[in-house]
Every structure is written in C-alpha cells, then in structure tokens.
Amino acid sequence: MSNDDAGTDNPESKRDPEAEDTTAADSTAPDSPVADDKTVELGKSDAAGTAAADKDAAETKSAEKKTAEAKPAADAAKGGFGAVPVVAAFVAGILLVAAVTAVAVFYLQATDRGDKLDAQADATKAACEYGRLISTYDPDTIDDYLKKVDAASTGEWKETFGKLGQDLKGVVVDAKAKSSTYDMQCGFQSGDKDKATVLVVIGQTTTNVNIAAAGKPPSRVELVVVAGLAKDGDKWLVNKFDLPILKQLGNN
C-alpha cells in the first residue's frame, strides 16, 4: 500500500479542527448540567445570606428600640424620680410618728379617764360607808363609834364632830338611843381625783327609851345629806357631813 492510500484511509488524519473547537466549546456551554447546578447553589447561598443579614438587622433594631424605651425609665429612676422614695419615706415617717403620738395621747386620755372613774367610784363608796358609820350607834358602843367617825373625818368637819361628840354621847346614853340603817343610796355629784361631792340618802331607823316605854315601833326616817370628801393618801376622808342630829346639838 502506498503512502497516499494510507493517508486517505486513516480517519484521524481527516479530522476537522473547527469541529474539535466546537465540541470543546459545547462542553462548557450554559446548558451544561454542571454549570446549572453551580448557579443554583450560588443563588441559594446568596439568598440565605441576605435573609440572615435581614434577620440580624431586625433583631439589632428591636434591641435598640427596647434599649431606647428602657432608657427614659432608668433615667427617671436616677434623675427626676430619684427623690420620690426619699419623700415617700419621709411622709411615712411623719405618719408613723403621728400614729404613735395619737396612740399615746389616746392611751393617756383613756388612763386619765379610767383614773377619774376609779376615783369617783372610790369616793362614792367612801361616802356610803361613812353614812352607814355615822348613822349606826348604840349606848354600849358609843366610845368606839366616836373614834371610828373621828378617824374617817378630816378638816373642819373633823374639828366640829370632835366638839359635838361628847354632847352626842350624853344624849345617846341618857335616852338609850339606838340607830341603824335600812337603806343607803349614794350618788357622785362632782369632783376629781383629789376631792368629791356625793349625795347620800340614808334610810335610818331610830328608837329611844321614850319610844320603847310607849310601846311604839322604831321610827323610820330618810335623811338627805351632801357629803364632801378629800383624798388623803390612799383613803377618802369626809370633810363635810350635815347630819340633822348634829345640827340640833350644835344649836343647843
């Protein structure tokens, strides 16, 4: 075989260079599946990045908004409204002091009122006891009677009764006079913790030798006496007692 025939029959010797270039170009054409995949992936990557960036921007903006809203409150707490707790504490302190003072005043008033009521009750009781004492006598116990009445008396009345006591003793002994009480009522009229005036109503039963000789029952009388009392230590003593029988003795 000649060289010309060999050259004619070899297919590779007949390749067209332009065809090769076209094939190479087609391998990298846009319609290539590989090129298309890379473009899609790149597009996805860019979209995800943009979304993430937008999310971060939104979160940053929200945080800045919250900070901006919280700042005035913080500034108010530090600045203009910082004095409010101090003022509130001051006002609360004043109210507390006022409340304590009111309680103390109320307690003192209540205590003073209680003391006055106790004094009134004690003075009234003392007046009743004195009325019963001075209205109960007997010839056999007249000396003891005079001592008890004297011990329960004070002031000018004590002096007056001391002077009239012996005259009263003579009358009681001579007339064999006896006296007792069947009723005793006392009412506080006026006074305070040191002095008092008490109205005393005495239901008195009396008898003597003449009544007994006549066979008459003991007589009953009701005497109304204004008693004056004065506090001496822890006792109430009588400084005024207008007993009718003593007035009669004083006029004799």
Foldseek 3Di string as FASTA:
>chain_A
DDPVVVCVPDVVNVDDPVVVVVVVVVCPDCVHPVNVVVVVVVVVVVVVVVVVVVVVVVVVVVVVVVCVVVVVVVCCCVPVCVCVVVVVVVVVVVVVVVVVVVVVVVVVVVVQVVLFVVLQVQQQVLVQVLVQLQQFDFLVCLVVSLVVNLVQADDPVSVLCVVCSVVVSVVCNVFRKGKGFPDKDKDWDDDGNFKTKIKIKTWMWMDTDVCVVVVHHTDTDIDIWIWIWGDDPPHIGTHDTPDPVSVVSVVD
